[in-house]
Protein backbone atom coordinates (compact mmCIF):
# COMPACT_ATOMS: atom_id res chain seq x y z
CA MET A 1 138.06 22.73 32.48
CA ASP A 2 138.16 22.11 28.73
CA ASN A 3 135.33 19.60 28.43
CA ALA A 4 132.05 18.74 30.12
CA PHE A 5 129.69 15.81 29.81
CA CYS A 6 125.96 16.41 29.36
CA THR A 7 123.88 13.69 30.98
CA LEU A 8 120.76 14.75 29.09
CA ASN A 9 122.07 13.59 25.71
CA ASN A 10 125.21 11.66 26.79
CA GLN A 11 127.50 13.93 24.81
CA THR A 12 130.82 15.53 25.74
CA TYR A 13 131.32 19.15 24.70
CA THR A 14 134.23 21.52 24.52
CA ALA A 15 133.44 24.94 25.93
CA TYR A 16 133.57 26.49 22.47
CA THR A 17 131.27 23.88 20.92
CA PHE A 18 128.81 24.29 23.77
CA SER A 19 128.88 28.07 23.39
CA GLN A 20 127.78 27.71 19.75
CA LEU A 21 124.51 26.02 20.69
CA SER A 22 121.33 28.06 20.63
CA PRO A 23 120.47 30.04 23.79
CA THR A 24 117.48 27.78 24.39
CA VAL A 25 119.59 24.62 24.22
CA ILE A 26 122.31 26.12 26.41
CA SER A 27 119.72 27.08 29.00
CA GLN A 28 118.42 23.51 29.04
CA PHE A 29 121.69 21.57 28.82
CA ARG A 30 123.69 23.62 31.33
CA ARG A 31 121.63 22.12 34.15
CA PHE A 32 122.85 18.63 33.24
CA LEU A 33 126.61 19.14 32.97
CA GLN A 34 129.23 17.25 34.93
CA CYS A 35 133.00 16.88 35.03
CA PRO A 36 134.00 14.05 32.66
CA SER A 37 136.68 12.87 35.08
CA CYS A 38 135.06 12.92 38.52
CA GLN A 39 131.35 13.36 37.62
CA ALA A 40 131.01 16.38 39.91
CA PRO A 41 128.27 18.85 38.89
CA ALA A 42 129.66 21.32 36.37
CA PHE A 43 128.76 24.79 35.17
CA PHE A 44 129.17 26.70 31.93
CA ARG A 45 130.26 30.32 31.78
CA LYS A 46 129.76 32.30 28.59
CA ALA A 47 132.53 34.39 27.07
CA ALA A 48 133.00 37.59 29.05
CA ARG A 49 133.12 41.12 27.70
CA ASN A 50 136.66 41.48 28.97
CA GLY A 51 137.84 38.84 26.51
CA GLN A 52 137.78 35.79 28.75
CA ALA A 53 136.76 32.79 26.66
CA ALA A 54 133.79 30.57 27.42
CA CYS A 55 134.69 27.83 29.87
CA PHE A 56 133.46 24.95 31.97
CA GLY A 57 134.16 24.41 35.63
CA ALA A 58 133.16 22.32 38.61
CA ARG A 59 133.42 23.62 42.12
CA PRO A 60 134.27 21.63 43.95
CA HIS A 61 135.68 18.72 41.99
CA ASN A 62 135.78 15.40 43.78
CA ALA A 63 139.00 14.57 45.61
CA GLY A 64 141.88 13.64 43.34
CA CYS A 65 140.26 14.87 40.13
CA THR A 66 142.85 15.74 37.50
CA GLU A 67 140.62 18.51 36.15
CA ASN A 68 140.74 20.39 39.43
CA ALA A 69 141.95 23.96 39.14
CA PRO A 70 141.37 27.04 41.30
CA LEU A 71 138.68 29.44 40.17
CA THR A 72 138.54 32.55 42.30
CA ARG A 73 137.79 36.24 41.94
CA LEU A 74 138.65 39.17 44.12
CA ILE A 75 135.70 41.23 45.22
CA HIS A 76 136.01 44.99 45.60
CA GLY A 77 136.59 45.91 49.21
CA GLU A 78 136.80 42.29 50.35
CA ASN A 79 140.35 41.07 49.78
CA ASP A 80 141.07 37.51 50.82
CA ASP A 81 142.00 37.38 54.47
CA GLU A 82 145.02 35.42 55.56
CA ASP A 83 142.85 33.94 58.31
CA VAL A 84 139.91 33.23 56.01
CA LEU A 85 139.42 29.68 57.27
CA ARG A 86 140.61 30.26 60.80
CA ASN A 87 137.70 30.53 63.16
CA ASP A 88 139.69 30.55 66.33
CA GLY A 89 137.00 32.19 68.43
CA GLN A 90 134.32 30.18 70.17
CA ARG A 91 132.02 33.07 69.27
CA ILE A 92 132.01 34.81 65.88
CA VAL A 93 130.63 38.31 65.43
CA LEU A 94 129.50 39.08 61.89
CA ASP A 95 130.70 42.47 60.68
CA LEU A 96 128.21 43.88 58.17
CA ASN A 97 130.09 47.17 57.82
CA TYR A 98 131.08 46.70 54.19
CA GLY A 99 134.52 48.05 53.38
CA ALA A 100 135.36 48.77 57.00
CA ALA A 101 138.65 48.01 58.70
CA GLU A 102 140.13 44.53 58.57
CA PRO A 103 138.67 42.05 61.06
CA VAL A 104 140.55 41.53 64.29
CA ASN A 105 140.54 38.94 67.04
CA HIS A 106 140.13 40.06 70.59
CA ILE A 107 138.96 38.92 73.98
CA ASP A 108 135.63 40.34 75.11
CA GLU A 109 135.68 40.45 78.87
CA ASN A 110 131.91 40.80 79.17
CA VAL A 111 130.71 38.14 76.72
CA ILE A 112 127.78 36.03 77.82
CA ASP A 113 125.67 33.62 75.82
CA ASN A 114 121.92 33.91 76.47
CA GLY A 115 122.44 34.96 80.06
CA GLY A 116 125.65 33.01 80.51
CA ALA A 117 124.06 29.58 80.70
CA ARG A 118 125.98 28.08 77.79
CA GLY A 119 129.03 30.29 77.41
CA ALA A 120 132.10 28.10 76.95
CA ARG A 121 135.18 29.15 78.91
CA PHE A 122 138.88 28.48 78.59
CA ILE A 123 140.12 26.54 81.57
CA GLY A 124 143.72 26.75 82.72
CA ASN A 125 145.24 28.62 85.61
CA GLY A 126 141.96 30.49 85.84
CA ASN A 127 138.88 31.19 83.77
CA ARG A 128 139.29 33.34 80.65
CA PRO A 129 136.29 34.74 78.79
CA ASN A 130 135.27 33.44 75.38
CA ALA A 131 137.52 34.34 72.47
CA VAL A 132 135.61 36.46 69.97
CA ALA A 133 136.45 36.56 66.25
CA HIS A 134 135.06 39.34 64.06
CA ARG A 135 134.40 38.14 60.51
CA ARG A 136 132.93 39.57 57.32
CA LEU A 137 130.20 37.92 55.29
CA ARG A 138 132.47 36.77 52.48
CA THR A 139 134.88 35.22 54.95
CA LEU A 140 132.06 33.10 56.33
CA LEU A 141 130.92 32.12 52.83
CA ARG A 142 134.39 31.01 51.88
CA SER A 143 134.57 28.94 55.05
CA LEU A 144 131.24 27.31 54.20
CA VAL A 145 132.48 26.43 50.71
CA CYS A 146 136.00 25.30 51.54
CA ASN A 147 135.78 23.89 55.04
CA PRO A 148 133.21 21.09 55.57
CA ASP A 149 133.78 21.18 59.32
CA PHE A 150 132.76 24.83 59.54
CA LYS A 151 129.16 24.39 58.40
CA ASN A 152 128.72 21.67 61.04
CA SER A 153 130.28 23.77 63.77
CA THR A 154 128.51 24.54 67.04
CA GLN A 155 130.27 27.88 67.33
CA ILE A 156 128.10 30.84 68.23
CA LEU A 157 127.45 33.43 65.52
CA GLU A 158 126.28 36.90 66.54
CA ILE A 159 124.34 38.94 63.98
CA ASN A 160 123.19 42.39 65.04
CA GLY A 161 123.06 41.28 68.66
CA GLN A 162 121.24 38.01 67.99
CA GLU A 163 123.05 34.72 68.63
CA ARG A 164 122.65 31.56 66.56
CA LEU A 165 124.62 28.34 66.20
CA ILE A 166 126.49 28.08 62.91
CA ASN A 167 125.21 24.58 62.12
CA GLU A 168 121.63 25.79 62.59
CA PHE A 169 121.83 29.22 60.97
CA PHE A 170 123.46 28.46 57.62
CA VAL A 171 121.34 26.44 55.19
CA GLN A 172 122.73 25.14 51.91
CA PHE A 173 120.40 25.38 48.93
CA ASN A 174 120.07 21.61 48.55
CA GLN A 175 118.94 21.33 52.18
CA ILE A 176 116.02 23.74 51.87
CA THR A 177 112.60 22.36 52.80
CA ALA A 178 109.19 23.83 53.60
CA ASN A 179 110.28 24.03 57.25
CA TYR A 180 112.38 27.08 56.37
CA ILE A 181 109.57 29.16 54.86
CA ASN A 182 109.49 32.64 56.46
CA GLN A 183 112.53 31.71 58.55
CA PHE A 184 115.56 34.03 58.70
CA HIS A 185 118.75 32.11 57.87
CA GLY A 186 121.97 32.39 55.94
CA TYR A 187 121.06 30.62 52.68
CA TRP A 188 123.97 29.69 50.45
CA GLY A 189 125.03 27.66 47.45
CA GLN A 190 126.18 27.91 43.85
CA ILE A 191 124.52 29.85 41.05
CA THR A 192 124.05 27.43 38.15
CA ASP A 193 122.36 29.75 35.67
CA ILE A 194 120.41 32.97 35.49
CA GLY A 195 117.07 34.04 34.10
CA ILE A 196 115.71 37.50 33.33
CA SER A 197 112.02 38.26 33.58
CA PRO A 198 110.71 39.71 30.28
CA ASN A 199 108.10 41.70 32.18
CA ASP A 200 110.15 43.82 34.55
CA GLY A 201 113.80 42.78 34.10
CA THR A 202 114.04 40.96 37.42
CA ILE A 203 117.14 38.75 37.50
CA TRP A 204 116.67 35.23 38.85
CA LEU A 205 119.76 33.51 40.22
CA ASN A 206 119.00 29.80 39.90
CA SER A 207 120.60 27.03 41.92
CA GLY A 208 119.59 24.01 39.84
CA GLY A 209 116.38 22.65 38.38
CA ARG A 210 112.88 24.05 38.52
CA ASP A 211 112.27 22.55 41.94
CA ASP A 212 115.37 24.19 43.43
CA VAL A 213 115.48 27.57 45.10
CA SER A 214 116.13 30.76 43.13
CA LEU A 215 117.19 34.17 44.37
CA CYS A 216 115.34 37.23 43.10
CA LEU A 217 117.39 40.33 42.28
CA PRO A 218 114.95 43.22 41.61
CA PRO A 219 115.80 45.92 39.04
CA GLU A 220 116.25 48.73 41.57
CA ILE A 221 119.34 47.16 43.15
CA GLN A 222 120.87 45.36 40.17
CA ALA A 223 123.30 48.14 39.22
CA ALA A 224 124.59 48.50 42.78
CA PHE A 225 124.86 44.71 43.13
CA LEU A 226 126.87 44.22 39.93
CA ASP A 227 129.08 47.21 40.71
CA ARG A 228 129.85 46.01 44.21
CA PHE A 229 130.95 42.60 43.03
CA ARG A 230 132.61 43.86 39.84
CA ARG A 231 130.46 41.94 37.41
CA ASN A 232 129.72 43.30 33.94
CA ASP A 233 126.34 41.62 33.68
CA ALA A 234 124.22 38.94 35.28
CA GLU A 235 125.75 36.13 33.22
CA ASP A 236 129.06 36.75 35.01
CA LEU A 237 127.42 35.50 38.21
CA VAL A 238 127.12 31.93 36.90
CA SER A 239 129.32 29.53 38.95
CA ASP A 240 129.69 31.97 41.85
CA TYR A 241 128.77 30.87 45.33
CA ILE A 242 126.32 33.24 46.99
CA LEU A 243 125.31 33.75 50.61
CA TYR A 244 122.30 35.83 51.56
CA LEU A 245 120.87 36.53 54.98
CA GLY A 246 117.13 36.61 54.55
CA SER A 247 113.87 34.68 54.58
CA LEU A 248 112.71 31.86 52.34
CA GLN A 249 109.44 32.33 50.46
CA ARG A 250 107.25 30.06 48.35
CA SER A 251 105.29 31.29 45.35
CA GLN A 252 101.76 30.35 44.34
CA ASN A 253 103.37 27.85 41.96
CA ASN A 254 105.19 26.22 44.91
CA LYS A 255 108.54 27.63 43.79
CA TYR A 256 111.00 28.39 46.59
CA TYR A 257 112.63 31.79 46.26
CA ILE A 258 114.58 34.33 48.29
CA LEU A 259 114.22 38.05 47.64
CA ILE A 260 117.48 40.01 47.78
CA ASN A 261 116.52 43.48 48.99
CA ASP A 262 119.66 44.58 50.83
CA ILE A 263 123.14 44.14 49.34
CA ALA A 264 124.68 44.52 52.80
CA PHE A 265 123.34 41.03 53.53
CA VAL A 266 124.77 39.29 50.47
CA SER A 267 128.21 38.11 49.41
CA LEU A 268 129.78 36.17 46.56
CA TYR A 269 132.75 33.84 46.34
């Protein structure tokens, strides 16, 4: 996207012009950007070390927007699956074995759901057990981003032997409330900008304004995190969607945050 409109000062910027603003102004204005065509929330990405120029983007654009263009990245060890949006099993088993074999579909002849009380069955010439689909974390994140029906699904998701309903387990950042404090869920949404603590170098992955949730990436796992997702630095994370399985916390200043302490439980798209 070549241009973006800033609602804070009612000015349209090219990516280059915006990149020439002071870091303080960029940090402030980037929270108020939108697509000039469809008014969808927009993001700004600084020029990358690999030579990629500064750019704007909105993901997703509103339907029919002429500015719409795909913006994707391949993640090491997590190539896009042909069945990425196919969730053809009534029950999905999350595979947290990073870099393991490709997911497969199979029929589990001994599947029960909480003692068998709610397990859906195929009905035809006889009962067949539930179809089970094994999926990786990034596959689920992509489904959440690209398929509105998926996040509202009542399919069963199994995580380390525990079963949850998809529409209850995954929580988008803009849906977070105090009810989720200390609750284990799959929290997901888009990274709008980043901040780095001057005291200890902690990276904060922000999802919007000061009242919106931020994810805390402590120094001891930053190198492994950036290496896994092939990012040169934290700024490269801006505009990515992120999914983390963890618990919501609230600081003494009433700021919602989520601590990332295990990269096996996080994925980007």
